[in-house]
Protein backbone atom coordinates (compact mmCIF):
# COMPACT_ATOMS: atom_id res chain seq x y z
CA MET A 1 -17.90 -7.06 -6.03
CA ASN A 2 -18.40 -3.87 -6.98
CA LEU A 3 -16.30 -3.06 -10.01
CA ASN A 4 -15.13 -0.27 -8.70
CA ALA A 5 -13.68 -1.39 -5.70
CA HIS A 6 -11.80 -3.96 -7.53
CA MET A 7 -10.15 -1.87 -9.30
CA GLN A 8 -9.11 0.67 -6.37
CA GLN A 9 -7.79 -2.88 -5.20
CA ASP A 10 -5.86 -3.55 -8.30
CA ALA A 11 -4.63 0.15 -8.02
CA GLY A 12 -3.45 -0.30 -4.24
CA THR A 13 -1.21 -3.87 -5.04
CA GLU A 14 0.11 -2.00 -8.01
CA LEU A 15 1.20 0.72 -5.65
CA LEU A 16 2.68 -1.90 -3.57
CA LEU A 17 5.09 -3.39 -6.65
CA GLU A 18 6.22 0.15 -7.84
CA PRO A 19 10.04 0.45 -7.97
CA SER A 20 10.02 3.22 -5.97
CA ASN A 21 7.88 1.82 -3.23
CA ILE A 22 9.85 -1.37 -3.05
CA ALA A 23 13.31 1.06 -2.55
CA ALA A 24 11.54 3.00 -0.24
CA ARG A 25 10.01 -0.33 1.97
CA SER A 26 13.61 -2.08 1.86
CA ASP A 27 15.21 0.13 4.44
CA ALA A 28 13.77 -2.13 7.31
CA PRO A 29 13.55 -5.76 7.34
CA ALA A 30 10.07 -7.55 7.69
CA ASN A 31 8.37 -10.27 8.40
CA ALA A 32 5.39 -11.82 7.08
CA ALA A 33 2.73 -10.03 9.47
CA ASP A 34 4.21 -6.58 8.92
CA SER A 35 4.11 -7.29 5.05
CA ALA A 36 0.54 -8.51 5.29
CA ARG A 37 -0.45 -5.66 7.87
CA SER A 38 1.12 -3.19 5.62
CA GLU A 39 -0.95 -5.19 1.89
CA LYS A 40 -4.07 -4.57 4.01
CA ASN A 41 -3.77 -1.23 5.26
CA ILE A 42 -2.55 -0.06 1.34
CA LEU A 43 -6.13 -2.03 -0.19
CA GLN A 44 -8.04 -0.44 2.55
CA TRP A 45 -6.67 3.28 2.31
CA VAL A 46 -6.86 3.24 -1.98
CA ALA A 47 -10.92 2.19 -1.51
CA TYR A 48 -10.57 6.11 -0.47
CA LEU A 49 -8.17 8.15 -1.00
CA PRO A 50 -6.58 9.46 -3.77
CA ARG A 51 -3.50 7.46 -5.47
CA THR A 52 -1.09 10.89 -4.66
CA CYS A 53 -2.19 10.28 -0.71
CA VAL A 54 -1.58 6.60 -0.86
CA LYS A 55 1.83 6.90 -2.26
CA THR A 56 2.66 9.85 0.37
CA MET A 57 1.44 7.29 3.03
CA ILE A 58 3.81 4.66 1.91
CA ARG A 59 6.73 6.76 1.50
CA MET A 60 5.96 8.02 5.07
CA GLY A 61 6.08 3.99 6.46
CA TRP A 62 2.63 4.61 7.65
CA ASP A 63 1.36 1.13 6.03
CA LYS A 64 3.89 -0.10 8.32
CA THR A 65 3.07 1.74 11.77
CA THR A 66 -0.58 1.59 11.28
């Protein structure tokens, strides 16, 4: 495993756990499948997009709709 890729995945997980993102994501009920898809999307995005871009995408709900 590429260390850089591993570090980027850790950053994606960190994004999921930030209080502002949890609050933004709690407005709609999610089931386990939705949550898993959301996490998978975010982990993919952090591999090639800037952190600020990923945060914006999460805030807009794209992790749930993509």
